[in-house]
Amino acid sequence: MKSFASWCVRVYFEDTDSGGVVYHANYLKFMERGRTEWLRGIGLDQAELKLKDNIMFVVAKLDIQYKRPAKFNDELMVMTSLEKIGASTIFITQEILRDNYLISSARVEIACINSKLFKPQRIPKKIKQLLEKL
């Protein structure tokens, strides 16, 4: 793994299901926010990339595993690690922890696409160089 970032999130009542645990789809939301904060932390603003460079990073594939339940009012840590950079894809590993216990983990394949055509494109050289430095 090349780079690493963490982002903290609190579980609210709206995040839980009728059993009082975090609804499975909400883990994806937590991970999405963690990836966005990771990109922002290295100086990449997704809105600006779309507006100025006509690119977007979108989830192409995601493999998620649920290990333990998270519950209302839990404080979770979303860990994001850059695993590998391809010509038009970025591979990221994410983990959600509560008190250093693994709650959920995922391997995420992110595709770079043209924001007007919605077709894959190479990661711009300046962005790839930035990611390779991490």
C-alpha atoms as a PDB file:
ATOM      1  CA  MET A   1       0.000   0.000   0.000  1.00  0.00           C
ATOM      2  CA  LYS A   2       1.341   3.385  -0.945  1.00  0.00           C
ATOM      3  CA  SER A   3      -0.724   5.970   0.895  1.00  0.00           C
ATOM      4  CA  PHE A   4      -3.031   6.011   3.834  1.00  0.00           C
ATOM      5  CA  ALA A   5      -5.683   8.328   5.255  1.00  0.00           C
ATOM      6  CA  SER A   6      -8.223   8.105   8.048  1.00  0.00           C
ATOM      7  CA  TRP A   7     -11.560   9.823   8.501  1.00  0.00           C
ATOM      8  CA  CYS A   8     -13.858   9.624  11.516  1.00  0.00           C
ATOM      9  CA  VAL A   9     -17.652   9.227  11.291  1.00  0.00           C
ATOM     10  CA  ARG A  10     -20.347   8.914  13.956  1.00  0.00           C
ATOM     11  CA  VAL A  11     -23.256   6.497  13.445  1.00  0.00           C
ATOM     12  CA  TYR A  12     -26.594   8.298  13.631  1.00  0.00           C
ATOM     13  CA  PHE A  13     -30.001   6.742  14.164  1.00  0.00           C
ATOM     14  CA  GLU A  14     -30.808   7.311  10.471  1.00  0.00           C
ATOM     15  CA  ASP A  15     -27.868   5.017   9.558  1.00  0.00           C
ATOM     16  CA  THR A  16     -29.374   2.018  11.334  1.00  0.00           C
ATOM     17  CA  ASP A  17     -31.955  -0.571  10.339  1.00  0.00           C
ATOM     18  CA  SER A  18     -34.848  -1.966  12.390  1.00  0.00           C
ATOM     19  CA  GLY A  19     -32.378  -4.205  14.246  1.00  0.00           C
ATOM     20  CA  GLY A  20     -30.455  -1.183  15.504  1.00  0.00           C
ATOM     21  CA  VAL A  21     -27.326  -1.875  13.454  1.00  0.00           C
ATOM     22  CA  VAL A  22     -25.886   0.081  10.547  1.00  0.00           C
ATOM     23  CA  TYR A  23     -27.770  -0.788   7.375  1.00  0.00           C
ATOM     24  CA  HIS A  24     -25.415  -2.589   4.973  1.00  0.00           C
ATOM     25  CA  ALA A  25     -25.578   0.061   2.207  1.00  0.00           C
ATOM     26  CA  ASN A  26     -24.517   2.803   4.622  1.00  0.00           C
ATOM     27  CA  TYR A  27     -21.049   1.295   4.929  1.00  0.00           C
ATOM     28  CA  LEU A  28     -20.658   2.195   1.245  1.00  0.00           C
ATOM     29  CA  LYS A  29     -21.605   5.791   2.054  1.00  0.00           C
ATOM     30  CA  PHE A  30     -19.031   5.937   4.833  1.00  0.00           C
ATOM     31  CA  MET A  31     -16.380   4.581   2.454  1.00  0.00           C
ATOM     32  CA  GLU A  32     -17.353   7.050  -0.275  1.00  0.00           C
ATOM     33  CA  ARG A  33     -16.897   9.926   2.162  1.00  0.00           C
ATOM     34  CA  GLY A  34     -13.555   8.490   3.243  1.00  0.00           C
ATOM     35  CA  ARG A  35     -12.348   8.343  -0.396  1.00  0.00           C
ATOM     36  CA  THR A  36     -13.547  11.887  -1.025  1.00  0.00           C
ATOM     37  CA  GLU A  37     -11.702  13.165   2.046  1.00  0.00           C
ATOM     38  CA  TRP A  38      -8.601  11.215   1.010  1.00  0.00           C
ATOM     39  CA  LEU A  39      -8.628  12.866  -2.430  1.00  0.00           C
ATOM     40  CA  ARG A  40      -9.260  16.279  -0.882  1.00  0.00           C
ATOM     41  CA  GLY A  41      -6.403  15.688   1.546  1.00  0.00           C
ATOM     42  CA  ILE A  42      -3.928  15.146  -1.306  1.00  0.00           C
ATOM     43  CA  GLY A  43      -5.166  18.246  -3.115  1.00  0.00           C
ATOM     44  CA  LEU A  44      -7.682  16.767  -5.558  1.00  0.00           C
ATOM     45  CA  ASP A  45     -11.131  18.354  -5.518  1.00  0.00           C
ATOM     46  CA  GLN A  46     -13.585  16.193  -7.455  1.00  0.00           C
ATOM     47  CA  ALA A  47     -15.866  19.090  -8.420  1.00  0.00           C
ATOM     48  CA  GLU A  48     -12.883  21.002  -9.793  1.00  0.00           C
ATOM     49  CA  LEU A  49     -11.622  17.955 -11.707  1.00  0.00           C
ATOM     50  CA  LYS A  50     -15.010  17.618 -13.380  1.00  0.00           C
ATOM     51  CA  LEU A  51     -15.283  21.314 -14.171  1.00  0.00           C
ATOM     52  CA  LYS A  52     -11.716  22.025 -15.315  1.00  0.00           C
ATOM     53  CA  ASP A  53     -10.371  18.680 -16.521  1.00  0.00           C
ATOM     54  CA  ASN A  54     -13.629  16.979 -17.614  1.00  0.00           C
ATOM     55  CA  ILE A  55     -12.864  13.884 -15.563  1.00  0.00           C
ATOM     56  CA  MET A  56     -14.607  12.006 -12.805  1.00  0.00           C
ATOM     57  CA  PHE A  57     -13.544   9.100 -10.645  1.00  0.00           C
ATOM     58  CA  VAL A  58     -16.311   6.502 -10.355  1.00  0.00           C
ATOM     59  CA  VAL A  59     -16.579   3.132  -8.664  1.00  0.00           C
ATOM     60  CA  ALA A  60     -16.206   0.412 -11.291  1.00  0.00           C
ATOM     61  CA  LYS A  61     -16.020  -2.553  -8.941  1.00  0.00           C
ATOM     62  CA  LEU A  62     -16.292  -3.101  -5.221  1.00  0.00           C
ATOM     63  CA  ASP A  63     -15.769  -6.197  -3.106  1.00  0.00           C
ATOM     64  CA  ILE A  64     -16.973  -5.646   0.463  1.00  0.00           C
ATOM     65  CA  GLN A  65     -16.921  -7.853   3.537  1.00  0.00           C
ATOM     66  CA  TYR A  66     -18.878  -7.272   6.723  1.00  0.00           C
ATOM     67  CA  LYS A  67     -17.133  -8.550   9.854  1.00  0.00           C
ATOM     68  CA  ARG A  68     -18.966  -7.050  12.863  1.00  0.00           C
ATOM     69  CA  PRO A  69     -22.006  -4.838  13.323  1.00  0.00           C
ATOM     70  CA  ALA A  70     -21.751  -1.115  13.957  1.00  0.00           C
ATOM     71  CA  LYS A  71     -24.520   0.429  16.048  1.00  0.00           C
ATOM     72  CA  PHE A  72     -26.112   3.763  16.838  1.00  0.00           C
ATOM     73  CA  ASN A  73     -23.698   6.314  18.301  1.00  0.00           C
ATOM     74  CA  ASP A  74     -20.578   4.278  17.492  1.00  0.00           C
ATOM     75  CA  GLU A  75     -17.573   6.301  16.388  1.00  0.00           C
ATOM     76  CA  LEU A  76     -16.045   4.658  13.348  1.00  0.00           C
ATOM     77  CA  MET A  77     -12.721   5.208  11.629  1.00  0.00           C
ATOM     78  CA  VAL A  78     -12.656   4.857   7.843  1.00  0.00           C
ATOM     79  CA  MET A  79      -9.180   3.960   6.614  1.00  0.00           C
ATOM     80  CA  THR A  80      -8.316   4.476   2.951  1.00  0.00           C
ATOM     81  CA  SER A  81      -5.154   3.076   1.352  1.00  0.00           C
ATOM     82  CA  LEU A  82      -3.928   3.398  -2.203  1.00  0.00           C
ATOM     83  CA  GLU A  83      -3.033  -0.051  -3.437  1.00  0.00           C
ATOM     84  CA  LYS A  84      -2.201   0.321  -7.129  1.00  0.00           C
ATOM     85  CA  ILE A  85      -2.478   2.783 -10.018  1.00  0.00           C
ATOM     86  CA  GLY A  86      -3.260   1.647 -13.554  1.00  0.00           C
ATOM     87  CA  ALA A  87      -3.577   3.617 -16.782  1.00  0.00           C
ATOM     88  CA  SER A  88      -7.224   4.481 -16.151  1.00  0.00           C
ATOM     89  CA  THR A  89      -7.930   2.845 -12.795  1.00  0.00           C
ATOM     90  CA  ILE A  90      -7.015   3.281  -9.165  1.00  0.00           C
ATOM     91  CA  PHE A  91      -7.236   0.375  -6.735  1.00  0.00           C
ATOM     92  CA  ILE A  92      -8.006   1.275  -3.133  1.00  0.00           C
ATOM     93  CA  THR A  93      -8.396  -0.752   0.035  1.00  0.00           C
ATOM     94  CA  GLN A  94     -10.738   0.573   2.711  1.00  0.00           C
ATOM     95  CA  GLU A  95     -11.416  -0.566   6.240  1.00  0.00           C
ATOM     96  CA  ILE A  96     -13.947   0.597   8.787  1.00  0.00           C
ATOM     97  CA  LEU A  97     -12.890   0.156  12.404  1.00  0.00           C
ATOM     98  CA  ARG A  98     -14.503   0.673  15.797  1.00  0.00           C
ATOM     99  CA  ASP A  99     -12.094   0.782  18.732  1.00  0.00           C
ATOM    100  CA  ASN A 100      -9.413  -0.827  16.524  1.00  0.00           C
ATOM    101  CA  TYR A 101     -11.704  -3.756  15.647  1.00  0.00           C
ATOM    102  CA  LEU A 102     -12.387  -4.386  11.973  1.00  0.00           C
ATOM    103  CA  ILE A 103     -16.058  -3.813  11.157  1.00  0.00           C
ATOM    104  CA  SER A 104     -15.938  -3.909   7.356  1.00  0.00           C
ATOM    105  CA  SER A 105     -13.354  -3.996   4.576  1.00  0.00           C
ATOM    106  CA  ALA A 106     -13.478  -3.443   0.838  1.00  0.00           C
ATOM    107  CA  ARG A 107     -11.311  -3.427  -2.234  1.00  0.00           C
ATOM    108  CA  VAL A 108     -12.478  -0.688  -4.570  1.00  0.00           C
ATOM    109  CA  GLU A 109     -11.624  -0.258  -8.241  1.00  0.00           C
ATOM    110  CA  ILE A 110     -12.024   3.371  -9.271  1.00  0.00           C
ATOM    111  CA  ALA A 111     -12.237   4.244 -12.973  1.00  0.00           C
ATOM    112  CA  CYS A 112     -11.300   7.577 -14.482  1.00  0.00           C
ATOM    113  CA  ILE A 113     -13.955   8.649 -16.980  1.00  0.00           C
ATOM    114  CA  ASN A 114     -14.593  11.604 -19.251  1.00  0.00           C
ATOM    115  CA  SER A 115     -17.340  13.586 -17.519  1.00  0.00           C
ATOM    116  CA  LYS A 116     -19.027  14.568 -20.779  1.00  0.00           C
ATOM    117  CA  LEU A 117     -18.893  11.235 -22.604  1.00  0.00           C
ATOM    118  CA  PHE A 118     -19.038   8.946 -19.553  1.00  0.00           C
ATOM    119  CA  LYS A 119     -16.374   6.760 -21.155  1.00  0.00           C
ATOM    120  CA  PRO A 120     -13.135   5.516 -19.589  1.00  0.00           C
ATOM    121  CA  GLN A 121     -10.040   7.604 -20.131  1.00  0.00           C
ATOM    122  CA  ARG A 122      -6.455   7.623 -18.964  1.00  0.00           C
ATOM    123  CA  ILE A 123      -5.723   9.270 -15.647  1.00  0.00           C
ATOM    124  CA  PRO A 124      -4.215  12.679 -16.482  1.00  0.00           C
ATOM    125  CA  LYS A 125      -0.426  12.704 -16.162  1.00  0.00           C
ATOM    126  CA  LYS A 126      -0.365  15.362 -13.411  1.00  0.00           C
ATOM    127  CA  ILE A 127      -2.810  13.355 -11.262  1.00  0.00           C
ATOM    128  CA  LYS A 128      -1.012  10.076 -11.868  1.00  0.00           C
ATOM    129  CA  GLN A 129       2.301  11.677 -10.906  1.00  0.00           C
ATOM    130  CA  LEU A 130       0.723  13.061  -7.728  1.00  0.00           C
ATOM    131  CA  LEU A 131      -0.636   9.629  -6.790  1.00  0.00           C
ATOM    132  CA  GLU A 132       2.663   7.911  -7.582  1.00  0.00           C
ATOM    133  CA  LYS A 133       4.457  10.211  -5.107  1.00  0.00           C
ATOM    134  CA  LEU A 134       2.288   8.998  -2.233  1.00  0.00           C
END
